[in-house]
Amino acid sequence: MKRHVIVLLLLVLLLFLAAPSFLSAGAETTSQAEVEAELGREVEKYIESLDLSEFEAYLTSLDTPTDLSKRGVRDLIRALVKGEIPLDATNLLSYFAENALGALSGMLASLLTVMIIAVMSSVLSGLTSGFVQKQTIEIVHYVFYTLVVSLVFVKVGAIVKECRAFCDGVSKLTDSVFPPLITLMSALGGGVSSSIYKPQIAFFTAIISKVFGSVILPLFIASIAFCLIGNLSSQIKMDKIQSAIRYSSTLIVSTVFGLFLTYLTIAGITGGMVDGVGIKAAKFVLSGYVPILGGYLSQGFDLISAGCVLIKNSIGMIGILCVIFMIMKPILHVTIYSFALKLVASFVQPLGDKRISDFLYSVSNATKILVTAILGSGFVMILTLLLMIVSCNVGVL
C-alpha cells in the first residue's frame, strides 16, 4: 500500500514539474499563431491601400502565361507572401513552345519562298549561260536578288517594329512597377535609397529610348543596307564594315549599360546600408527610451515593417517576371529568324547563287545587334529590381 502511495506521489510531482513547460509551449504556439494572424492582417491592409491600377493594367496588356494573366496583381502578391509559386512549369513550357512555334510558322512561308527563288535563279542562270550574254545573266540575278531582298526586308521591318514596341514596354514597366516599390521603401524608412532609385529609373528609361531609337536601330538598319550593297556584286566588299558596325553596337551597349549598372549598384548598396542603420537606430530608440511600452512598440514596428518588406519583395518578383516575359517574345523572334536565315543560307549555298547565300548569312549576323541590346536592357532592369528587393531588408529582417 505504501508503495502505491509513493508511486502516486512521484507521478503528481512529475506532472507538477512538467506543467510549466507544457503551458509555455501552449502559450508559445498561441503566440506564434497570433503573430502570424496579425502579420496577415497587416499585409492585407497594405495590399489594399496600395495604388496598383497602373501595374494591373500593364500586367493585363502583357503577353504572359495563363497563370499570370488570369490573376490580378493583388492575388499574385498574396500568393508570393504565402510562399506559393504563381507559375506552373507545364504552363511555362507550353507558353514558350507556343511562342516559338508561332514565330517559326510566321516566317516559314517567306523562308521557303526565298529558297525556291534562290534555286530558280541558279537553275535559270545555268540553263542560259551558254546562250545569252553575261550582262543578261546579271540582270536575271538582280531580278531574283531583288525578290529575295524584298521578302527579307518585310520580316526585318516587323522585327524593327517589335523592337520599338519593346522600348515602349520598358517605359510602361518603369511607370507601373517602380512607383509602388519606391512608396514601400519610403514607408520602411528607406529615404536614402528612394532618393537614389527615383531619378536613376527615369534616367534609365531615357537611356533605353535614346540608345535603342537613336543608336542601335540605326546601326542595325545601316548594317542591313551594307549587307544589301555588299552582295550585289562579287567585286563589292562590305564584310569589314558590317563587322565594324556590329562591334561598335556591342561596345556602345556594354559601355552605357555597364557604367549605369556600376553606379546604380554602388549607390544602391550604399543607400541600403545607410537606411538599414537608420531603421535599426529607430528601433533601438523606440525600445530603449520609451518607458514601459517601448518593447511592445518595437515589436509592433517589427510586425508592420515585416509586412511592408513582404509586399515590396513580392512586387519586385512580379516585376522580374514581367521583364522576363517582356524580353522573351522579341528575343525568340529575332533568334529564331537568325537561325532560320543561317539554315536557308547553308541550303542555298551549294544549290543556288552564292551572293544570295552570303546576303542571308550577313543579315543573320546583323541581328546580333538587336539581341545584344535587348538582353542588355533586360539584365539592367532585372538587376535594378533585385537591388530594390534587397534594399531596406537589413534593418527589418
Protein backbone atom coordinates (compact mmCIF):
# COMPACT_ATOMS: atom_id res chain seq x y z
CA MET A 1 0.00 0.00 0.00
CA LYS A 2 2.80 2.37 0.92
CA ARG A 3 4.50 1.55 -2.36
CA HIS A 4 1.41 2.62 -4.38
CA VAL A 5 1.18 5.84 -2.42
CA ILE A 6 4.84 6.65 -3.09
CA VAL A 7 4.44 5.97 -6.85
CA LEU A 8 1.34 8.16 -6.98
CA LEU A 9 3.16 10.99 -5.19
CA LEU A 10 6.06 10.71 -7.65
CA LEU A 11 3.69 10.92 -10.63
CA VAL A 12 2.00 14.00 -9.18
CA LEU A 13 5.43 15.58 -8.61
CA LEU A 14 6.50 14.87 -12.21
CA LEU A 15 3.28 16.36 -13.59
CA PHE A 16 3.74 19.42 -11.41
CA LEU A 17 7.31 19.91 -12.66
CA ALA A 18 6.35 19.36 -16.33
CA ALA A 19 3.28 21.59 -16.26
CA PRO A 20 5.18 24.89 -16.77
CA SER A 21 6.89 23.57 -19.89
CA PHE A 22 3.59 22.36 -21.36
CA LEU A 23 1.94 25.67 -20.53
CA SER A 24 4.80 27.66 -22.03
CA ALA A 25 4.68 25.52 -25.18
CA GLY A 26 0.97 26.09 -25.48
CA ALA A 27 1.45 29.81 -24.89
CA GLU A 28 4.27 29.90 -27.47
CA THR A 29 2.06 28.14 -30.02
CA THR A 30 -0.77 30.50 -29.33
CA SER A 31 1.55 33.49 -29.53
CA GLN A 32 3.02 32.31 -32.84
CA ALA A 33 -0.45 31.81 -34.31
CA GLU A 34 -1.49 35.25 -33.14
CA VAL A 35 1.63 36.83 -34.64
CA GLU A 36 1.04 35.10 -37.99
CA ALA A 37 -2.59 36.21 -37.99
CA GLU A 38 -1.62 39.78 -37.13
CA LEU A 39 1.06 39.75 -39.84
CA GLY A 40 -1.52 38.51 -42.34
CA ARG A 41 -3.87 41.34 -41.39
CA GLU A 42 -1.11 43.93 -41.78
CA VAL A 43 -0.12 42.54 -45.18
CA GLU A 44 -3.72 42.56 -46.38
CA LYS A 45 -4.19 46.12 -45.16
CA TYR A 46 -1.14 47.34 -47.05
CA ILE A 47 -2.07 45.42 -50.20
CA GLU A 48 -5.49 47.05 -50.27
CA SER A 49 -4.11 50.53 -49.57
CA LEU A 50 -1.56 50.49 -52.43
CA ASP A 51 -2.44 52.05 -55.77
CA LEU A 52 -1.71 49.19 -58.19
CA SER A 53 -4.05 50.23 -61.01
CA GLU A 54 -1.25 51.02 -63.50
CA PHE A 55 0.58 47.82 -62.60
CA GLU A 56 -2.66 45.89 -63.07
CA ALA A 57 -3.25 47.47 -66.49
CA TYR A 58 0.31 46.74 -67.58
CA LEU A 59 0.13 43.09 -66.46
CA THR A 60 -3.16 42.70 -68.33
CA SER A 61 -1.66 44.10 -71.54
CA LEU A 62 1.47 41.93 -71.32
CA ASP A 63 1.57 38.59 -73.12
CA THR A 64 2.09 36.15 -70.24
CA PRO A 65 1.12 32.53 -69.40
CA THR A 66 -2.39 31.87 -68.14
CA ASP A 67 -1.09 31.52 -64.56
CA LEU A 68 -0.28 35.24 -64.54
CA SER A 69 -2.81 36.65 -66.99
CA LYS A 70 -5.85 35.22 -65.13
CA ARG A 71 -4.72 36.53 -61.74
CA GLY A 72 -4.54 40.13 -60.67
CA VAL A 73 -1.53 41.81 -59.11
CA ARG A 74 -3.00 41.66 -55.60
CA ASP A 75 -3.68 37.92 -55.90
CA LEU A 76 -0.12 37.36 -57.10
CA ILE A 77 1.24 39.36 -54.14
CA ARG A 78 -0.84 37.30 -51.71
CA ALA A 79 0.41 34.07 -53.29
CA LEU A 80 4.07 35.14 -53.08
CA VAL A 81 3.67 36.32 -49.48
CA LYS A 82 2.38 32.85 -48.59
CA GLY A 83 5.37 31.26 -50.31
CA GLU A 84 3.44 29.96 -53.32
CA ILE A 85 4.95 29.91 -56.81
CA PRO A 86 2.49 31.60 -59.21
CA LEU A 87 3.87 29.79 -62.27
CA ASP A 88 3.40 26.17 -63.22
CA ALA A 89 6.29 24.51 -65.07
CA THR A 90 3.97 22.81 -67.56
CA ASN A 91 2.17 26.04 -68.45
CA LEU A 92 5.50 27.85 -68.75
CA LEU A 93 6.88 25.26 -71.17
CA SER A 94 3.68 25.29 -73.23
CA TYR A 95 3.80 29.11 -73.36
CA PHE A 96 7.40 29.01 -74.55
CA ALA A 97 6.61 26.33 -77.16
CA GLU A 98 3.57 28.22 -78.47
CA ASN A 99 5.57 31.42 -78.93
CA ALA A 100 8.46 29.59 -80.60
CA LEU A 101 6.16 27.71 -82.97
CA GLY A 102 4.19 30.88 -83.68
CA ALA A 103 7.36 32.78 -84.56
CA LEU A 104 8.57 29.92 -86.77
CA SER A 105 5.24 29.50 -88.57
CA GLY A 106 5.04 33.24 -89.21
CA MET A 107 8.30 33.22 -91.14
CA LEU A 108 8.18 29.74 -92.67
CA ALA A 109 6.35 30.76 -95.85
CA SER A 110 8.72 33.62 -96.65
CA LEU A 111 11.80 31.47 -95.98
CA LEU A 112 10.54 28.69 -98.26
CA THR A 113 9.85 31.29 -100.93
CA VAL A 114 13.41 32.60 -100.56
CA MET A 115 14.77 29.09 -101.00
CA ILE A 116 12.69 28.48 -104.12
CA ILE A 117 13.70 31.84 -105.65
CA ALA A 118 17.39 31.18 -104.96
CA VAL A 119 17.24 27.71 -106.53
CA MET A 120 15.30 29.04 -109.56
CA SER A 121 17.91 31.78 -110.00
CA SER A 122 20.72 29.22 -110.03
CA VAL A 123 18.88 26.86 -112.39
CA LEU A 124 17.93 29.63 -114.80
CA SER A 125 21.46 31.04 -114.82
CA GLY A 126 22.87 27.57 -115.54
CA LEU A 127 20.45 26.86 -118.37
CA THR A 128 21.02 30.19 -120.12
CA SER A 129 24.76 30.56 -119.51
CA GLY A 130 25.69 29.15 -122.93
CA PHE A 131 23.05 31.02 -124.93
CA VAL A 132 22.87 34.56 -123.60
CA GLN A 133 25.40 37.20 -122.74
CA LYS A 134 26.86 37.72 -119.30
CA GLN A 135 25.02 41.02 -118.87
CA THR A 136 21.69 39.26 -119.35
CA ILE A 137 22.59 36.68 -116.70
CA GLU A 138 23.45 39.51 -114.31
CA ILE A 139 20.10 41.16 -114.97
CA VAL A 140 18.36 37.87 -114.19
CA HIS A 141 20.38 37.62 -110.99
CA TYR A 142 19.41 41.16 -109.96
CA VAL A 143 15.73 40.38 -110.52
CA PHE A 144 15.84 37.31 -108.27
CA TYR A 145 18.10 39.09 -105.78
CA THR A 146 15.55 41.93 -105.54
CA LEU A 147 12.78 39.45 -104.79
CA VAL A 148 14.82 37.83 -102.02
CA VAL A 149 15.75 41.20 -100.53
CA SER A 150 12.09 42.29 -100.58
CA LEU A 151 10.99 39.18 -98.67
CA VAL A 152 13.77 39.54 -96.11
CA PHE A 153 13.13 43.25 -95.61
CA VAL A 154 9.46 42.64 -94.84
CA LYS A 155 10.43 40.48 -91.87
CA VAL A 156 13.25 42.84 -90.87
CA GLY A 157 10.71 45.68 -90.79
CA ALA A 158 8.47 43.62 -88.49
CA ILE A 159 11.43 42.94 -86.17
CA VAL A 160 12.31 46.66 -86.05
CA LYS A 161 8.69 47.46 -85.22
CA GLU A 162 8.73 44.86 -82.43
CA CYS A 163 11.93 46.38 -81.01
CA ARG A 164 10.29 49.81 -80.94
CA ALA A 165 7.36 48.24 -79.08
CA PHE A 166 9.91 46.80 -76.64
CA CYS A 167 11.17 50.34 -75.93
CA ASP A 168 7.60 51.45 -75.20
CA GLY A 169 7.18 48.40 -72.96
CA VAL A 170 10.24 49.41 -70.92
CA SER A 171 8.71 52.84 -70.31
CA LYS A 172 5.35 51.33 -69.30
CA LEU A 173 7.04 48.84 -66.98
CA THR A 174 9.04 51.50 -65.15
CA ASP A 175 5.94 53.71 -64.80
CA SER A 176 3.86 50.87 -63.33
CA VAL A 177 6.23 48.72 -61.23
CA PHE A 178 8.70 51.14 -59.66
CA PRO A 179 6.31 53.70 -58.03
CA PRO A 180 4.79 51.19 -55.55
CA LEU A 181 8.28 49.82 -54.82
CA ILE A 182 9.61 53.30 -54.03
CA THR A 183 6.50 54.02 -51.92
CA LEU A 184 7.07 50.91 -49.81
CA MET A 185 10.78 51.67 -49.48
CA SER A 186 9.90 55.15 -48.19
CA ALA A 187 7.38 53.64 -45.75
CA LEU A 188 10.12 51.36 -44.41
CA GLY A 189 12.38 54.33 -43.74
CA GLY A 190 14.50 53.96 -46.87
CA GLY A 191 14.67 57.65 -47.68
CA VAL A 192 18.22 57.49 -48.99
CA SER A 193 17.50 54.52 -51.25
CA SER A 194 14.33 56.12 -52.57
CA SER A 195 16.19 59.33 -53.42
CA ILE A 196 18.76 57.25 -55.33
CA TYR A 197 16.42 54.99 -57.30
CA LYS A 198 13.75 57.52 -58.25
CA PRO A 199 15.88 59.72 -60.57
CA GLN A 200 18.00 56.82 -61.79
CA ILE A 201 14.99 54.85 -63.01
CA ALA A 202 13.80 57.84 -65.06
CA PHE A 203 17.35 58.23 -66.37
CA PHE A 204 17.47 54.54 -67.30
CA THR A 205 14.19 54.77 -69.22
CA ALA A 206 15.56 57.71 -71.17
CA ILE A 207 18.77 55.76 -71.87
CA ILE A 208 16.83 52.79 -73.26
CA SER A 209 14.80 55.03 -75.55
CA LYS A 210 17.81 57.01 -76.75
CA VAL A 211 20.18 54.06 -77.16
CA PHE A 212 17.61 51.94 -78.96
CA GLY A 213 15.93 54.64 -81.02
CA SER A 214 18.94 56.80 -81.89
CA VAL A 215 21.86 54.33 -81.92
CA ILE A 216 21.01 50.63 -82.03
CA LEU A 217 18.20 50.62 -84.59
CA PRO A 218 20.02 53.00 -86.99
CA LEU A 219 23.15 50.84 -86.73
CA PHE A 220 21.08 47.74 -87.41
CA ILE A 221 19.42 49.32 -90.44
CA ALA A 222 22.82 50.53 -91.70
CA SER A 223 24.21 47.02 -91.29
CA ILE A 224 21.31 45.58 -93.31
CA ALA A 225 21.90 48.21 -96.00
CA PHE A 226 25.57 47.24 -96.25
CA CYS A 227 24.51 43.58 -96.44
CA LEU A 228 22.36 44.51 -99.44
CA ILE A 229 25.07 46.56 -101.19
CA GLY A 230 27.90 44.19 -100.39
CA ASN A 231 26.24 41.25 -102.12
CA LEU A 232 25.08 42.99 -105.29
CA SER A 233 28.31 42.06 -107.00
CA SER A 234 31.32 39.91 -106.24
CA GLN A 235 33.56 42.95 -106.71
CA ILE A 236 31.95 44.88 -103.82
CA LYS A 237 33.33 44.00 -100.38
CA MET A 238 31.42 45.24 -97.31
CA ASP A 239 32.04 42.48 -94.75
CA LYS A 240 34.59 44.52 -92.76
CA ILE A 241 32.18 47.44 -92.46
CA GLN A 242 29.46 45.12 -91.22
CA SER A 243 31.82 43.66 -88.60
CA ALA A 244 32.78 47.17 -87.50
CA ILE A 245 29.11 48.12 -87.08
CA ARG A 246 28.38 45.02 -85.01
CA TYR A 247 31.43 45.64 -82.83
CA SER A 248 30.51 49.30 -82.37
CA SER A 249 26.95 48.48 -81.30
CA THR A 250 28.15 45.86 -78.82
CA LEU A 251 30.72 48.29 -77.42
CA ILE A 252 28.13 51.06 -77.04
CA VAL A 253 25.62 48.82 -75.28
CA SER A 254 28.27 47.31 -72.99
CA THR A 255 29.75 50.71 -72.08
CA VAL A 256 26.49 52.55 -71.44
CA PHE A 257 24.77 49.77 -69.51
CA GLY A 258 27.98 48.79 -67.71
CA LEU A 259 28.58 52.32 -66.41
CA PHE A 260 24.93 52.68 -65.39
CA LEU A 261 24.96 49.33 -63.56
CA THR A 262 28.20 50.11 -61.79
CA TYR A 263 26.93 53.43 -60.49
CA LEU A 264 23.50 52.04 -59.57
CA THR A 265 24.97 49.04 -57.75
CA ILE A 266 27.41 51.12 -55.68
CA ALA A 267 24.82 53.80 -54.90
CA GLY A 268 22.07 51.26 -54.17
CA ILE A 269 24.19 49.14 -51.82
CA THR A 270 25.48 52.25 -50.02
CA GLY A 271 21.97 53.70 -49.68
CA GLY A 272 20.64 50.37 -48.43
CA MET A 273 23.34 50.17 -45.74
CA VAL A 274 22.63 53.72 -44.57
CA ASP A 275 18.88 53.05 -44.43
CA GLY A 276 19.47 49.76 -42.61
CA VAL A 277 21.47 51.51 -39.90
CA GLY A 278 18.79 54.19 -39.63
CA ILE A 279 16.00 51.62 -39.22
CA LYS A 280 17.94 49.74 -36.54
CA ALA A 281 18.65 53.00 -34.72
CA ALA A 282 14.95 53.90 -34.79
CA LYS A 283 14.04 50.50 -33.32
CA PHE A 284 16.68 50.89 -30.59
CA VAL A 285 15.42 54.35 -29.65
CA LEU A 286 11.83 53.12 -29.64
CA SER A 287 12.55 50.14 -27.39
CA GLY A 288 15.13 51.74 -25.11
CA TYR A 289 13.92 55.28 -24.49
CA VAL A 290 10.16 54.85 -24.37
CA PRO A 291 9.36 53.69 -20.81
CA ILE A 292 7.25 50.59 -20.17
CA LEU A 293 5.67 50.47 -23.65
CA GLY A 294 8.92 50.64 -25.65
CA GLY A 295 9.26 46.88 -26.09
CA TYR A 296 5.67 46.49 -27.27
CA LEU A 297 6.02 49.42 -29.66
CA SER A 298 9.23 47.95 -31.05
CA GLN A 299 7.51 44.60 -31.65
CA GLY A 300 4.62 46.37 -33.40
CA PHE A 301 7.12 48.27 -35.53
CA ASP A 302 8.79 44.97 -36.49
CA LEU A 303 5.43 43.49 -37.44
CA ILE A 304 4.45 46.41 -39.66
CA SER A 305 7.90 46.56 -41.25
CA ALA A 306 7.88 42.83 -41.97
CA GLY A 307 4.56 43.18 -43.76
CA CYS A 308 5.92 46.04 -45.90
CA VAL A 309 9.03 44.03 -46.74
CA LEU A 310 6.99 41.01 -47.83
CA ILE A 311 4.82 43.14 -50.12
CA LYS A 312 7.82 45.05 -51.52
CA ASN A 313 9.72 41.88 -52.32
CA SER A 314 6.63 40.28 -53.87
CA ILE A 315 6.07 43.27 -56.16
CA GLY A 316 9.74 43.13 -57.12
CA MET A 317 9.48 39.44 -58.02
CA ILE A 318 6.37 40.08 -60.14
CA GLY A 319 8.30 42.88 -61.87
CA ILE A 320 11.15 40.47 -62.65
CA LEU A 321 8.66 38.02 -64.17
CA CYS A 322 7.23 40.86 -66.27
CA VAL A 323 10.73 41.74 -67.53
CA ILE A 324 11.40 38.11 -68.47
CA PHE A 325 8.18 37.80 -70.45
CA MET A 326 8.63 41.25 -71.99
CA ILE A 327 12.03 40.36 -73.48
CA MET A 328 11.13 36.76 -74.28
CA LYS A 329 8.95 37.48 -77.31
CA PRO A 330 11.37 39.75 -79.25
CA ILE A 331 14.34 37.55 -78.33
CA LEU A 332 12.52 34.44 -79.56
CA HIS A 333 11.52 36.10 -82.83
CA VAL A 334 14.97 37.54 -83.53
CA THR A 335 16.95 34.41 -82.60
CA ILE A 336 14.64 32.03 -84.47
CA TYR A 337 14.73 34.24 -87.55
CA SER A 338 18.52 34.50 -87.35
CA PHE A 339 18.89 30.73 -87.02
CA ALA A 340 16.42 30.12 -89.86
CA LEU A 341 18.34 32.51 -92.15
CA LYS A 342 21.54 30.60 -91.43
CA LEU A 343 19.82 27.31 -92.30
CA VAL A 344 18.43 28.72 -95.55
CA ALA A 345 21.83 30.23 -96.43
CA SER A 346 23.56 26.89 -95.85
CA PHE A 347 20.97 25.15 -98.04
CA VAL A 348 21.12 27.76 -100.81
CA GLN A 349 24.92 27.93 -100.99
CA PRO A 350 25.55 24.60 -102.80
CA LEU A 351 22.38 24.80 -104.93
CA GLY A 352 21.74 28.50 -105.54
CA ASP A 353 23.58 31.74 -106.10
CA LYS A 354 26.47 32.40 -103.71
CA ARG A 355 25.63 36.09 -103.42
CA ILE A 356 22.11 35.33 -102.19
CA SER A 357 23.53 32.90 -99.66
CA ASP A 358 26.04 35.48 -98.43
CA PHE A 359 23.30 38.10 -98.14
CA LEU A 360 21.14 35.82 -95.98
CA TYR A 361 24.07 34.89 -93.76
CA SER A 362 25.16 38.51 -93.29
CA VAL A 363 21.60 39.55 -92.34
CA SER A 364 21.58 36.74 -89.81
CA ASN A 365 24.79 38.10 -88.28
CA ALA A 366 23.36 41.64 -88.21
CA THR A 367 20.52 40.54 -85.92
CA LYS A 368 23.08 40.01 -83.14
CA ILE A 369 22.97 43.79 -82.65
CA LEU A 370 19.33 43.62 -81.55
CA VAL A 371 19.84 40.52 -79.40
CA THR A 372 22.69 42.20 -77.51
CA ALA A 373 20.67 45.37 -76.89
CA ILE A 374 17.52 43.55 -75.74
CA LEU A 375 19.39 41.19 -73.41
CA GLY A 376 21.42 44.09 -72.01
CA SER A 377 18.27 46.10 -71.29
CA GLY A 378 16.59 43.13 -69.63
CA PHE A 379 19.65 42.41 -67.48
CA VAL A 380 19.81 46.01 -66.27
CA MET A 381 16.10 46.02 -65.35
CA ILE A 382 16.32 42.69 -63.51
CA LEU A 383 19.40 43.78 -61.55
CA THR A 384 17.70 47.08 -60.64
CA LEU A 385 14.67 45.21 -59.32
CA LEU A 386 16.90 42.82 -57.36
CA LEU A 387 18.70 45.77 -55.74
CA MET A 388 15.35 47.29 -54.77
CA ILE A 389 14.20 43.96 -53.35
CA VAL A 390 17.33 43.72 -51.19
CA SER A 391 17.19 47.37 -50.05
CA CYS A 392 15.71 48.11 -46.59
CA ASN A 393 15.64 44.41 -45.66
CA VAL A 394 18.74 44.56 -43.45
CA GLY A 395 17.22 46.81 -40.84
CA VAL A 396 13.96 44.87 -40.65
CA LEU A 397 14.66 41.16 -41.06
